[in-house]
């Protein structure tokens, strides 16, 4: 319970509030803030209700906050005002974090529940929580009907991007292929598919793939151009310079320093990747 580690605002509830959207019982206003923040993509105007305000008044003893919420309810306020009032009052999150939640809530107004789930997964993807994003995308796909082709195509495409970030090119290529087959108008997904195959296949096999698909040739020109740009960008980067310096150590016979640095770099890469993998596993526990 959050209140065990913090000085709480208000009392700890004897009777919890059941937050139905995430299937959890809440005992403090800090726990409420945490749930609102972490699940902003799932929240809509049904959060503006007297039951929650009553719980805050009766169970937590926060009469001033409850009074503000009753006023908002009577004014038929939107979720962004209701949630913003709670987060502002408690001070559990910073101003920037509250503004981020409010931005999400404004976006939620015109979105279906599936679009909200996708938005949550997109948020995880953009913030480099790749394993968690894949889990969310799969959850949405499992819930969508077959006729939701445009949305399913976008989800498969973004899930492929997450797999690419995890260096799982085969899984990524399969997702991009699914995205394009579901919606042949999704040319971005097809371009991503070719790029993933460019990484997976030998030069000869990739050329055979391009030759076998009429629509591939035009896309492949752009892909080769982007690969060349990426190569040039890397070669002028600090990381490339570090690699050249590293190989220079070996060439000059300084093998001990070379292998020491190789070991350090390898361990860092393994640790970074382990963090990404464990993040997804811990979230599922």
Protein backbone atom coordinates (compact mmCIF):
# COMPACT_ATOMS: atom_id res chain seq x y z
CA UNK A 1 0.00 0.00 0.00
CA UNK A 2 1.41 3.39 -1.00
CA UNK A 3 0.45 5.01 2.30
CA UNK A 4 2.75 2.70 4.20
CA UNK A 5 5.71 4.47 2.60
CA UNK A 6 4.38 8.04 2.51
CA UNK A 7 2.75 10.66 4.68
CA UNK A 8 -0.75 10.39 3.30
CA UNK A 9 -3.19 13.14 2.47
CA UNK A 10 -6.39 12.27 4.29
CA UNK A 11 -7.23 9.01 6.03
CA UNK A 12 -6.81 5.41 4.98
CA UNK A 13 -10.22 4.07 3.99
CA UNK A 14 -11.90 1.36 6.04
CA UNK A 15 -14.02 0.52 3.02
CA UNK A 16 -12.06 0.52 -0.27
CA UNK A 17 -13.18 2.05 -3.53
CA UNK A 18 -13.34 -0.52 -6.30
CA UNK A 19 -11.87 0.97 -9.46
CA UNK A 20 -13.61 -1.15 -12.04
CA UNK A 21 -11.55 -0.26 -15.11
CA UNK A 22 -8.40 -1.79 -13.65
CA UNK A 23 -10.02 -4.25 -11.20
CA UNK A 24 -8.37 -2.90 -8.07
CA UNK A 25 -9.46 -1.82 -4.57
CA UNK A 26 -8.15 1.57 -3.43
CA UNK A 27 -7.58 2.58 0.18
CA UNK A 28 -6.04 6.05 -0.10
CA UNK A 29 -6.10 9.12 -2.29
CA UNK A 30 -2.46 8.48 -3.21
CA UNK A 31 -3.43 5.08 -4.58
CA UNK A 32 -6.23 6.78 -6.50
CA UNK A 33 -3.74 9.26 -8.00
CA UNK A 34 -1.41 6.43 -8.99
CA UNK A 35 -4.19 4.53 -10.75
CA UNK A 36 -5.41 7.67 -12.53
CA UNK A 37 -1.90 8.49 -13.71
CA UNK A 38 -0.92 5.00 -14.85
CA UNK A 39 -4.24 4.31 -16.58
CA UNK A 40 -5.09 7.69 -18.05
CA UNK A 41 -5.57 6.12 -21.48
CA UNK A 42 -8.51 4.08 -20.16
CA UNK A 43 -10.30 6.90 -18.36
CA UNK A 44 -13.31 8.70 -19.81
CA UNK A 45 -16.12 10.86 -18.48
CA UNK A 46 -17.65 8.11 -16.37
CA UNK A 47 -14.90 8.91 -13.82
CA UNK A 48 -16.97 12.04 -13.02
CA UNK A 49 -19.36 10.41 -10.56
CA UNK A 50 -20.80 10.99 -7.11
CA UNK A 51 -19.79 7.56 -5.83
CA UNK A 52 -16.10 8.44 -6.03
CA UNK A 53 -16.66 11.90 -4.52
CA UNK A 54 -18.66 10.33 -1.66
CA UNK A 55 -15.86 7.86 -0.97
CA UNK A 56 -13.33 10.69 -0.84
CA UNK A 57 -15.61 12.60 1.55
CA UNK A 58 -16.71 9.76 3.84
CA UNK A 59 -13.79 7.35 3.83
CA UNK A 60 -10.80 9.65 3.36
CA UNK A 61 -12.16 12.69 5.19
CA UNK A 62 -11.08 15.05 2.41
CA UNK A 63 -14.06 17.35 2.61
CA UNK A 64 -12.48 20.24 0.69
CA UNK A 65 -11.48 18.04 -2.24
CA UNK A 66 -14.86 16.30 -2.23
CA UNK A 67 -16.60 19.68 -2.24
CA UNK A 68 -14.68 20.70 -5.36
CA UNK A 69 -15.59 17.42 -7.03
CA UNK A 70 -19.30 17.79 -6.17
CA UNK A 71 -19.22 21.21 -7.83
CA UNK A 72 -17.67 19.73 -10.98
CA UNK A 73 -20.27 16.95 -11.03
CA UNK A 74 -23.09 19.51 -10.81
CA UNK A 75 -21.50 21.43 -13.67
CA UNK A 76 -21.29 18.28 -15.84
CA UNK A 77 -17.54 18.76 -16.06
CA UNK A 78 -15.28 16.65 -18.26
CA UNK A 79 -12.87 14.01 -16.98
CA UNK A 80 -9.88 16.28 -17.53
CA UNK A 81 -11.15 18.81 -14.98
CA UNK A 82 -12.23 16.14 -12.49
CA UNK A 83 -8.97 14.17 -12.58
CA UNK A 84 -6.86 17.34 -12.73
CA UNK A 85 -8.54 18.63 -9.57
CA UNK A 86 -7.69 15.41 -7.69
CA UNK A 87 -4.08 15.33 -8.85
CA UNK A 88 -3.54 19.05 -8.14
CA UNK A 89 -4.99 18.76 -4.63
CA UNK A 90 -2.95 15.74 -3.57
CA UNK A 91 0.38 16.85 -5.05
CA UNK A 92 1.51 13.29 -5.66
CA UNK A 93 2.74 14.20 -9.16
CA UNK A 94 4.59 17.18 -10.61
CA UNK A 95 2.94 19.90 -12.68
CA UNK A 96 4.44 18.48 -15.88
CA UNK A 97 3.18 14.99 -15.07
CA UNK A 98 -0.32 16.31 -14.37
CA UNK A 99 -0.32 18.22 -17.66
CA UNK A 100 0.65 15.00 -19.45
CA UNK A 101 -2.32 13.18 -17.92
CA UNK A 102 -4.66 16.04 -18.82
CA UNK A 103 -3.42 15.96 -22.41
CA UNK A 104 -4.20 12.25 -22.60
CA UNK A 105 -7.67 12.78 -21.15
CA UNK A 106 -8.47 15.45 -23.74
CA UNK A 107 -7.41 13.06 -26.47
CA UNK A 108 -9.58 10.30 -24.99
CA UNK A 109 -12.84 12.14 -25.65
CA UNK A 110 -13.15 11.09 -29.28
CA UNK A 111 -11.56 7.65 -28.96
CA UNK A 112 -13.10 4.18 -28.75
CA UNK A 113 -11.98 1.87 -25.94
CA UNK A 114 -9.77 -0.02 -28.39
CA UNK A 115 -8.18 3.19 -29.60
CA UNK A 116 -7.50 4.08 -25.96
CA UNK A 117 -5.79 0.74 -25.40
CA UNK A 118 -3.72 1.30 -28.54
CA UNK A 119 -2.83 4.80 -27.34
CA UNK A 120 -1.57 3.34 -24.08
CA UNK A 121 0.58 0.86 -25.99
CA UNK A 122 1.83 3.65 -28.27
CA UNK A 123 2.77 5.66 -25.19
CA UNK A 124 4.80 2.71 -23.88
CA UNK A 125 6.47 2.31 -27.26
CA UNK A 126 7.38 6.00 -27.48
CA UNK A 127 8.89 5.81 -24.00
CA UNK A 128 10.95 2.72 -24.90
CA UNK A 129 9.01 0.24 -22.78
CA UNK A 130 9.05 -2.19 -25.67
CA UNK A 131 8.09 -5.45 -23.96
CA UNK A 132 5.19 -3.79 -22.18
CA UNK A 133 4.07 -2.21 -25.45
CA UNK A 134 4.02 -5.60 -27.18
CA UNK A 135 1.85 -7.02 -24.39
CA UNK A 136 -0.61 -4.15 -24.71
CA UNK A 137 -0.77 -4.46 -28.51
CA UNK A 138 -1.49 -8.17 -28.21
CA UNK A 139 -4.23 -7.45 -25.68
CA UNK A 140 -5.93 -5.07 -28.12
CA UNK A 141 -5.59 -7.47 -31.04
CA UNK A 142 -7.19 -10.26 -29.03
CA UNK A 143 -10.19 -8.02 -28.34
CA UNK A 144 -10.79 -6.57 -31.81
CA UNK A 145 -13.32 -7.95 -34.26
CA UNK A 146 -12.22 -9.01 -37.74
CA UNK A 147 -13.81 -5.99 -39.41
CA UNK A 148 -11.55 -3.52 -37.54
CA UNK A 149 -9.00 -3.80 -40.33
CA UNK A 150 -7.51 -0.29 -40.28
CA UNK A 151 -6.93 -0.32 -36.52
CA UNK A 152 -5.55 -3.88 -36.55
CA UNK A 153 -3.14 -2.94 -39.32
CA UNK A 154 -1.83 0.04 -37.34
CA UNK A 155 -1.43 -2.11 -34.23
CA UNK A 156 0.52 -4.81 -36.06
CA UNK A 157 2.76 -2.14 -37.58
CA UNK A 158 3.53 -0.54 -34.22
CA UNK A 159 4.06 -3.92 -32.58
CA UNK A 160 6.59 -4.62 -35.32
CA UNK A 161 8.41 -1.40 -34.44
CA UNK A 162 8.60 -2.59 -30.82
CA UNK A 163 10.02 -5.95 -31.92
CA UNK A 164 12.62 -4.19 -34.05
CA UNK A 165 13.70 -2.20 -30.99
CA UNK A 166 14.14 -5.54 -29.20
CA UNK A 167 16.31 -6.79 -32.09
CA UNK A 168 13.69 -9.41 -32.98
CA UNK A 169 13.69 -8.83 -36.73
CA UNK A 170 11.84 -12.06 -37.58
CA UNK A 171 8.94 -11.21 -35.25
CA UNK A 172 8.96 -7.64 -36.52
CA UNK A 173 8.83 -8.73 -40.17
CA UNK A 174 5.87 -11.01 -39.43
CA UNK A 175 3.99 -8.13 -37.77
CA UNK A 176 4.70 -5.75 -40.65
CA UNK A 177 3.60 -8.39 -43.14
CA UNK A 178 0.35 -8.93 -41.21
CA UNK A 179 -0.26 -5.20 -41.13
CA UNK A 180 0.10 -4.89 -44.89
CA UNK A 181 -1.96 -7.99 -45.70
CA UNK A 182 -4.81 -6.77 -43.48
CA UNK A 183 -4.72 -3.31 -45.07
CA UNK A 184 -2.91 -3.15 -48.43
CA UNK A 185 -3.21 0.62 -48.24
CA UNK A 186 -0.78 0.69 -45.33
CA UNK A 187 2.34 1.40 -47.38
CA UNK A 188 4.29 2.38 -44.26
CA UNK A 189 3.90 -1.15 -42.91
CA UNK A 190 5.04 -2.62 -46.24
CA UNK A 191 8.11 -0.40 -46.20
CA UNK A 192 8.86 -1.53 -42.66
CA UNK A 193 8.46 -5.16 -43.76
CA UNK A 194 11.01 -4.72 -46.53
CA UNK A 195 13.42 -2.96 -44.16
CA UNK A 196 13.13 -5.82 -41.66
CA UNK A 197 13.75 -8.35 -44.42
CA UNK A 198 16.73 -6.29 -45.60
CA UNK A 199 18.25 -6.84 -42.18
CA UNK A 200 17.38 -10.54 -42.05
CA UNK A 201 18.29 -11.74 -45.53
CA UNK A 202 21.52 -12.00 -47.45
CA UNK A 203 21.96 -9.56 -50.34
CA UNK A 204 21.08 -12.26 -52.89
CA UNK A 205 17.96 -13.41 -51.05
CA UNK A 206 16.79 -9.84 -50.54
CA UNK A 207 17.18 -9.10 -54.25
CA UNK A 208 15.13 -12.20 -55.02
CA UNK A 209 12.42 -10.96 -52.65
CA UNK A 210 12.34 -7.55 -54.34
CA UNK A 211 12.21 -9.16 -57.77
CA UNK A 212 9.29 -11.38 -56.76
CA UNK A 213 7.05 -8.51 -55.62
CA UNK A 214 6.11 -5.85 -58.12
CA UNK A 215 5.29 -3.26 -55.47
CA UNK A 216 8.65 -3.74 -53.73
CA UNK A 217 10.99 -2.06 -56.22
CA UNK A 218 9.95 1.54 -55.61
CA UNK A 219 9.96 1.08 -51.83
CA UNK A 220 13.34 -0.64 -51.93
CA UNK A 221 15.01 2.44 -53.47
CA UNK A 222 13.92 4.56 -50.52
CA UNK A 223 15.00 1.86 -48.08
CA UNK A 224 18.51 1.66 -49.56
CA UNK A 225 18.74 5.44 -49.37
CA UNK A 226 17.76 5.44 -45.68
CA UNK A 227 20.19 2.62 -44.94
CA UNK A 228 22.97 4.63 -46.56
CA UNK A 229 22.01 7.73 -44.57
CA UNK A 230 21.98 5.70 -41.35
CA UNK A 231 25.39 4.25 -42.19
CA UNK A 232 26.86 7.70 -42.86
CA UNK A 233 25.29 9.09 -39.71
CA UNK A 234 26.74 6.28 -37.61
CA UNK A 235 30.19 6.63 -39.13
CA UNK A 236 30.31 10.28 -38.04
CA UNK A 237 28.96 9.57 -34.53
CA UNK A 238 30.82 9.48 -31.22
CA UNK A 239 30.05 5.78 -30.94
CA UNK A 240 31.75 5.05 -34.28
CA UNK A 241 34.77 7.09 -33.23
CA UNK A 242 34.93 5.10 -30.00
CA UNK A 243 34.82 1.87 -31.99
CA UNK A 244 37.64 3.05 -34.27
CA UNK A 245 39.71 4.00 -31.23
CA UNK A 246 38.99 0.59 -29.78
CA UNK A 247 40.19 -1.26 -32.87
CA UNK A 248 43.26 0.96 -32.92
CA UNK A 249 44.18 -0.45 -29.50
CA UNK A 250 44.21 -3.94 -30.96
CA UNK A 251 46.17 -2.88 -34.03
CA UNK A 252 48.85 -1.28 -31.87
CA UNK A 253 49.23 -4.48 -29.86
CA UNK A 254 47.50 -3.19 -26.73
CA UNK A 255 45.40 -6.36 -26.45
CA UNK A 256 44.71 -6.20 -22.71
CA UNK A 257 43.07 -2.76 -22.92
CA UNK A 258 41.20 -3.83 -26.07
CA UNK A 259 39.62 -6.88 -24.44
CA UNK A 260 38.94 -4.98 -21.23
CA UNK A 261 36.99 -2.33 -23.16
CA UNK A 262 35.20 -4.97 -25.26
CA UNK A 263 34.11 -6.69 -22.05
CA UNK A 264 32.86 -3.44 -20.54
CA UNK A 265 30.85 -2.54 -23.64
CA UNK A 266 29.40 -6.03 -23.90
CA UNK A 267 28.29 -6.05 -20.27
CA UNK A 268 26.62 -2.67 -20.68
CA UNK A 269 24.70 -3.84 -23.76
CA UNK A 270 23.66 -7.03 -21.95
CA UNK A 271 22.53 -5.03 -18.90
CA UNK A 272 20.52 -2.60 -21.03
CA UNK A 273 18.80 -5.43 -22.86
CA UNK A 274 18.20 -7.34 -19.63
CA UNK A 275 16.45 -4.27 -18.18
CA UNK A 276 14.08 -4.16 -21.15
CA UNK A 277 13.28 -7.88 -20.91
CA UNK A 278 12.83 -7.92 -17.14
CA UNK A 279 10.53 -4.87 -17.30
CA UNK A 280 8.01 -6.87 -19.33
CA UNK A 281 8.35 -9.95 -17.14
CA UNK A 282 7.90 -8.04 -13.89
CA UNK A 283 4.83 -6.26 -15.23
CA UNK A 284 3.23 -9.63 -15.93
CA UNK A 285 3.77 -10.92 -12.37
